[in-house]
PDB file of all heavy atoms in Angstrom:
ATOM      1  N   PRO A   1      -5.888 -12.161  -4.748  1.00  0.00           N
ATOM      2  CA  PRO A   1      -5.166 -13.430  -4.618  1.00  0.00           C
ATOM      3  C   PRO A   1      -4.094 -13.557  -5.694  1.00  0.00           C
ATOM      4  O   PRO A   1      -4.215 -13.008  -6.791  1.00  0.00           O
ATOM      5  CB  PRO A   1      -6.264 -14.482  -4.809  1.00  0.00           C
ATOM      6  CG  PRO A   1      -7.560 -13.771  -4.560  1.00  0.00           C
ATOM      7  CD  PRO A   1      -7.335 -12.352  -4.974  1.00  0.00           C
ATOM      8  N   ALA A   2      -3.045 -14.278  -5.375  1.00  0.00           N
ATOM      9  CA  ALA A   2      -1.965 -14.590  -6.323  1.00  0.00           C
ATOM     10  C   ALA A   2      -1.266 -13.338  -6.843  1.00  0.00           C
ATOM     11  O   ALA A   2      -0.672 -13.357  -7.928  1.00  0.00           O
ATOM     12  CB  ALA A   2      -2.491 -15.426  -7.482  1.00  0.00           C
ATOM     13  N   SER A   3      -1.315 -12.261  -6.079  1.00  0.00           N
ATOM     14  CA  SER A   3      -0.620 -11.025  -6.465  1.00  0.00           C
ATOM     15  C   SER A   3       0.608 -10.834  -5.582  1.00  0.00           C
ATOM     16  O   SER A   3       0.793 -11.520  -4.571  1.00  0.00           O
ATOM     17  CB  SER A   3      -1.546  -9.826  -6.305  1.00  0.00           C
ATOM     18  OG  SER A   3      -1.848  -9.599  -4.932  1.00  0.00           O
ATOM     19  N   SER A   4       1.456  -9.873  -5.973  1.00  0.00           N
ATOM     20  CA  SER A   4       2.634  -9.563  -5.162  1.00  0.00           C
ATOM     21  C   SER A   4       2.227  -9.068  -3.781  1.00  0.00           C
ATOM     22  O   SER A   4       2.862  -9.403  -2.775  1.00  0.00           O
ATOM     23  CB  SER A   4       3.477  -8.506  -5.884  1.00  0.00           C
ATOM     24  OG  SER A   4       4.654  -8.212  -5.167  1.00  0.00           O
ATOM     25  N   ALA A   5       1.135  -8.283  -3.708  1.00  0.00           N
ATOM     26  CA  ALA A   5       0.670  -7.787  -2.409  1.00  0.00           C
ATOM     27  C   ALA A   5       0.243  -8.935  -1.505  1.00  0.00           C
ATOM     28  O   ALA A   5       0.530  -8.927  -0.300  1.00  0.00           O
ATOM     29  CB  ALA A   5      -0.481  -6.816  -2.609  1.00  0.00           C
ATOM     30  N   ALA A   6      -0.422  -9.939  -2.068  1.00  0.00           N
ATOM     31  CA  ALA A   6      -0.825 -11.096  -1.267  1.00  0.00           C
ATOM     32  C   ALA A   6       0.398 -11.872  -0.791  1.00  0.00           C
ATOM     33  O   ALA A   6       0.463 -12.314   0.368  1.00  0.00           O
ATOM     34  CB  ALA A   6      -1.751 -11.999  -2.075  1.00  0.00           C
ATOM     35  N   ALA A   7       1.388 -12.030  -1.666  1.00  0.00           N
ATOM     36  CA  ALA A   7       2.597 -12.772  -1.300  1.00  0.00           C
ATOM     37  C   ALA A   7       3.377 -12.067  -0.189  1.00  0.00           C
ATOM     38  O   ALA A   7       4.046 -12.722   0.614  1.00  0.00           O
ATOM     39  CB  ALA A   7       3.476 -12.965  -2.531  1.00  0.00           C
ATOM     40  N   GLN A   8       3.284 -10.717  -0.160  1.00  0.00           N
ATOM     41  CA  GLN A   8       4.003  -9.948   0.857  1.00  0.00           C
ATOM     42  C   GLN A   8       3.137  -9.648   2.075  1.00  0.00           C
ATOM     43  O   GLN A   8       3.514  -8.830   2.918  1.00  0.00           O
ATOM     44  CB  GLN A   8       4.502  -8.638   0.249  1.00  0.00           C
ATOM     45  CG  GLN A   8       5.566  -8.819  -0.824  1.00  0.00           C
ATOM     46  CD  GLN A   8       6.870  -9.324  -0.243  1.00  0.00           C
ATOM     47  OE1 GLN A   8       7.216  -9.000   0.875  1.00  0.00           O
ATOM     48  NE2 GLN A   8       7.569 -10.147  -1.012  1.00  0.00           N
ATOM     49  N   ASN A   9       1.985 -10.313   2.169  1.00  0.00           N
ATOM     50  CA  ASN A   9       1.104 -10.203   3.344  1.00  0.00           C
ATOM     51  C   ASN A   9       0.644  -8.771   3.607  1.00  0.00           C
ATOM     52  O   ASN A   9       0.576  -8.309   4.757  1.00  0.00           O
ATOM     53  CB  ASN A   9       1.790 -10.770   4.590  1.00  0.00           C
ATOM     54  CG  ASN A   9       2.069 -12.247   4.466  1.00  0.00           C
ATOM     55  OD1 ASN A   9       1.212 -13.017   4.030  1.00  0.00           O
ATOM     56  ND2 ASN A   9       3.282 -12.664   4.819  1.00  0.00           N
ATOM     57  N   VAL A  10       0.340  -8.040   2.526  1.00  0.00           N
ATOM     58  CA  VAL A  10      -0.298  -6.733   2.689  1.00  0.00           C
ATOM     59  C   VAL A  10      -1.712  -6.969   3.206  1.00  0.00           C
ATOM     60  O   VAL A  10      -2.448  -7.803   2.676  1.00  0.00           O
ATOM     61  CB  VAL A  10      -0.317  -5.968   1.357  1.00  0.00           C
ATOM     62  CG1 VAL A  10      -1.149  -4.701   1.475  1.00  0.00           C
ATOM     63  CG2 VAL A  10       1.111  -5.642   0.920  1.00  0.00           C
ATOM     64  N   ASN A  11      -2.108  -6.224   4.233  1.00  0.00           N
ATOM     65  CA  ASN A  11      -3.375  -6.464   4.906  1.00  0.00           C
ATOM     66  C   ASN A  11      -4.419  -5.420   4.527  1.00  0.00           C
ATOM     67  O   ASN A  11      -4.110  -4.229   4.401  1.00  0.00           O
ATOM     68  CB  ASN A  11      -3.189  -6.424   6.426  1.00  0.00           C
ATOM     69  CG  ASN A  11      -2.279  -7.510   6.930  1.00  0.00           C
ATOM     70  OD1 ASN A  11      -2.391  -8.657   6.504  1.00  0.00           O
ATOM     71  ND2 ASN A  11      -1.375  -7.176   7.839  1.00  0.00           N
ATOM     72  N   VAL A  12      -5.658  -5.862   4.376  1.00  0.00           N
ATOM     73  CA  VAL A  12      -6.770  -4.929   4.227  1.00  0.00           C
ATOM     74  C   VAL A  12      -6.838  -4.057   5.479  1.00  0.00           C
ATOM     75  O   VAL A  12      -6.736  -4.548   6.597  1.00  0.00           O
ATOM     76  CB  VAL A  12      -8.090  -5.687   4.020  1.00  0.00           C
ATOM     77  CG1 VAL A  12      -9.283  -4.736   4.101  1.00  0.00           C
ATOM     78  CG2 VAL A  12      -8.086  -6.430   2.689  1.00  0.00           C
ATOM     79  N   GLY A  13      -6.996  -2.769   5.276  1.00  0.00           N
ATOM     80  CA  GLY A  13      -7.060  -1.837   6.395  1.00  0.00           C
ATOM     81  C   GLY A  13      -5.763  -1.123   6.686  1.00  0.00           C
ATOM     82  O   GLY A  13      -5.748  -0.150   7.455  1.00  0.00           O
ATOM     83  N   ALA A  14      -4.666  -1.592   6.080  1.00  0.00           N
ATOM     84  CA  ALA A  14      -3.385  -0.908   6.291  1.00  0.00           C
ATOM     85  C   ALA A  14      -3.431   0.467   5.633  1.00  0.00           C
ATOM     86  O   ALA A  14      -3.940   0.627   4.524  1.00  0.00           O
ATOM     87  CB  ALA A  14      -2.243  -1.735   5.708  1.00  0.00           C
ATOM     88  N   GLN A  15      -2.883   1.476   6.316  1.00  0.00           N
ATOM     89  CA  GLN A  15      -2.852   2.820   5.742  1.00  0.00           C
ATOM     90  C   GLN A  15      -1.653   2.956   4.826  1.00  0.00           C
ATOM     91  O   GLN A  15      -0.535   2.565   5.165  1.00  0.00           O
ATOM     92  CB  GLN A  15      -2.786   3.884   6.833  1.00  0.00           C
ATOM     93  CG  GLN A  15      -2.841   5.311   6.276  1.00  0.00           C
ATOM     94  CD  GLN A  15      -2.926   6.369   7.334  1.00  0.00           C
ATOM     95  OE1 GLN A  15      -2.900   6.073   8.530  1.00  0.00           O
ATOM     96  NE2 GLN A  15      -3.033   7.630   6.924  1.00  0.00           N
ATOM     97  N   LEU A  16      -1.897   3.506   3.650  1.00  0.00           N
ATOM     98  CA  LEU A  16      -0.827   3.752   2.694  1.00  0.00           C
ATOM     99  C   LEU A  16      -0.203   5.110   2.994  1.00  0.00           C
ATOM    100  O   LEU A  16      -0.903   6.126   3.053  1.00  0.00           O
ATOM    101  CB  LEU A  16      -1.372   3.733   1.265  1.00  0.00           C
ATOM    102  CG  LEU A  16      -0.369   4.032   0.153  1.00  0.00           C
ATOM    103  CD1 LEU A  16       0.701   2.948   0.069  1.00  0.00           C
ATOM    104  CD2 LEU A  16      -1.087   4.178  -1.185  1.00  0.00           C
ATOM    105  N   LEU A  17       1.130   5.119   3.171  1.00  0.00           N
ATOM    106  CA  LEU A  17       1.826   6.362   3.484  1.00  0.00           C
ATOM    107  C   LEU A  17       2.602   6.911   2.295  1.00  0.00           C
ATOM    108  O   LEU A  17       2.562   8.107   2.018  1.00  0.00           O
ATOM    109  CB  LEU A  17       2.784   6.139   4.668  1.00  0.00           C
ATOM    110  CG  LEU A  17       2.150   5.607   5.957  1.00  0.00           C
ATOM    111  CD1 LEU A  17       3.227   5.404   7.021  1.00  0.00           C
ATOM    112  CD2 LEU A  17       1.055   6.541   6.458  1.00  0.00           C
ATOM    113  N   THR A  18       3.307   6.032   1.588  1.00  0.00           N
ATOM    114  CA  THR A  18       4.096   6.482   0.437  1.00  0.00           C
ATOM    115  C   THR A  18       4.019   5.470  -0.687  1.00  0.00           C
ATOM    116  O   THR A  18       3.821   4.264  -0.461  1.00  0.00           O
ATOM    117  CB  THR A  18       5.581   6.705   0.791  1.00  0.00           C
ATOM    118  OG1 THR A  18       6.189   5.434   1.092  1.00  0.00           O
ATOM    119  CG2 THR A  18       5.745   7.654   1.964  1.00  0.00           C
ATOM    120  N   ILE A  19       4.203   5.966  -1.915  1.00  0.00           N
ATOM    121  CA  ILE A  19       4.374   5.141  -3.109  1.00  0.00           C
ATOM    122  C   ILE A  19       5.694   5.563  -3.736  1.00  0.00           C
ATOM    123  O   ILE A  19       5.851   6.712  -4.147  1.00  0.00           O
ATOM    124  CB  ILE A  19       3.224   5.332  -4.117  1.00  0.00           C
ATOM    125  CG1 ILE A  19       1.883   4.971  -3.494  1.00  0.00           C
ATOM    126  CG2 ILE A  19       3.470   4.507  -5.384  1.00  0.00           C
ATOM    127  CD1 ILE A  19       0.690   5.258  -4.394  1.00  0.00           C
ATOM    128  N   ASP A  20       6.656   4.649  -3.755  1.00  0.00           N
ATOM    129  CA  ASP A  20       7.973   4.949  -4.343  1.00  0.00           C
ATOM    130  C   ASP A  20       8.571   6.201  -3.696  1.00  0.00           C
ATOM    131  O   ASP A  20       9.062   7.089  -4.394  1.00  0.00           O
ATOM    132  CB  ASP A  20       7.834   5.111  -5.853  1.00  0.00           C
ATOM    133  CG  ASP A  20       9.162   4.926  -6.592  1.00  0.00           C
ATOM    134  OD1 ASP A  20      10.103   4.373  -5.980  1.00  0.00           O
ATOM    135  OD2 ASP A  20       9.244   5.329  -7.759  1.00  0.00           O
ATOM    136  N   THR A  21       8.495   6.250  -2.383  1.00  0.00           N
ATOM    137  CA  THR A  21       8.994   7.329  -1.498  1.00  0.00           C
ATOM    138  C   THR A  21       8.185   8.623  -1.589  1.00  0.00           C
ATOM    139  O   THR A  21       8.463   9.578  -0.875  1.00  0.00           O
ATOM    140  CB  THR A  21      10.484   7.670  -1.756  1.00  0.00           C
ATOM    141  OG1 THR A  21      10.634   8.366  -3.001  1.00  0.00           O
ATOM    142  CG2 THR A  21      11.358   6.416  -1.746  1.00  0.00           C
ATOM    143  N   GLN A  22       7.162   8.687  -2.459  1.00  0.00           N
ATOM    144  CA  GLN A  22       6.338   9.893  -2.560  1.00  0.00           C
ATOM    145  C   GLN A  22       5.163   9.806  -1.594  1.00  0.00           C
ATOM    146  O   GLN A  22       4.378   8.857  -1.639  1.00  0.00           O
ATOM    147  CB  GLN A  22       5.823  10.083  -3.987  1.00  0.00           C
ATOM    148  CG  GLN A  22       4.992  11.351  -4.158  1.00  0.00           C
ATOM    149  CD  GLN A  22       4.621  11.618  -5.597  1.00  0.00           C
ATOM    150  OE1 GLN A  22       5.263  11.103  -6.518  1.00  0.00           O
ATOM    151  NE2 GLN A  22       3.597  12.424  -5.816  1.00  0.00           N
ATOM    152  N   SER A  23       5.039  10.792  -0.721  1.00  0.00           N
ATOM    153  CA  SER A  23       3.955  10.794   0.258  1.00  0.00           C
ATOM    154  C   SER A  23       2.614  10.950  -0.438  1.00  0.00           C
ATOM    155  O   SER A  23       2.469  11.719  -1.397  1.00  0.00           O
ATOM    156  CB  SER A  23       4.148  11.943   1.249  1.00  0.00           C
ATOM    157  OG  SER A  23       3.021  12.046   2.103  1.00  0.00           O
ATOM    158  N   VAL A  24       1.611  10.221   0.057  1.00  0.00           N
ATOM    159  CA  VAL A  24       0.251  10.353  -0.473  1.00  0.00           C
ATOM    160  C   VAL A  24      -0.610  11.207   0.448  1.00  0.00           C
ATOM    161  O   VAL A  24      -1.815  11.354   0.205  1.00  0.00           O
ATOM    162  CB  VAL A  24      -0.404   8.966  -0.682  1.00  0.00           C
ATOM    163  CG1 VAL A  24       0.403   8.146  -1.678  1.00  0.00           C
ATOM    164  CG2 VAL A  24      -0.561   8.216   0.634  1.00  0.00           C
ATOM    165  N   ALA A  25      -0.006  11.782   1.476  1.00  0.00           N
ATOM    166  CA  ALA A  25      -0.763  12.637   2.388  1.00  0.00           C
ATOM    167  C   ALA A  25      -1.384  13.798   1.626  1.00  0.00           C
ATOM    168  O   ALA A  25      -0.708  14.481   0.842  1.00  0.00           O
ATOM    169  CB  ALA A  25       0.145  13.162   3.491  1.00  0.00           C
ATOM    170  N   GLY A  26      -2.684  14.002   1.816  1.00  0.00           N
ATOM    171  CA  GLY A  26      -3.382  15.094   1.147  1.00  0.00           C
ATOM    172  C   GLY A  26      -3.882  14.766  -0.237  1.00  0.00           C
ATOM    173  O   GLY A  26      -4.601  15.569  -0.840  1.00  0.00           O
ATOM    174  N   MET A  27      -3.509  13.608  -0.783  1.00  0.00           N
ATOM    175  CA  MET A  27      -4.003  13.233  -2.110  1.00  0.00           C
ATOM    176  C   MET A  27      -5.451  12.765  -2.037  1.00  0.00           C
ATOM    177  O   MET A  27      -5.873  12.142  -1.060  1.00  0.00           O
ATOM    178  CB  MET A  27      -3.165  12.090  -2.704  1.00  0.00           C
ATOM    179  CG  MET A  27      -1.792  12.466  -3.187  1.00  0.00           C
ATOM    180  SD  MET A  27      -1.020  11.054  -4.054  1.00  0.00           S
ATOM    181  CE  MET A  27       0.589  11.732  -4.435  1.00  0.00           C
ATOM    182  N   THR A  28      -6.223  13.075  -3.086  1.00  0.00           N
ATOM    183  CA  THR A  28      -7.525  12.446  -3.221  1.00  0.00           C
ATOM    184  C   THR A  28      -7.315  11.002  -3.672  1.00  0.00           C
ATOM    185  O   THR A  28      -6.228  10.621  -4.130  1.00  0.00           O
ATOM    186  CB  THR A  28      -8.384  13.175  -4.266  1.00  0.00           C
ATOM    187  OG1 THR A  28      -7.787  13.011  -5.556  1.00  0.00           O
ATOM    188  CG2 THR A  28      -8.503  14.663  -3.935  1.00  0.00           C
TER     189      THR A  28
END
């Protein structure tokens, strides 16, 4: 609550694909 993710309506269950354009595919 009260975080940037909450303000931007990030949903539980959404798959994360990239962080700062870097793919997370294959990462532990």
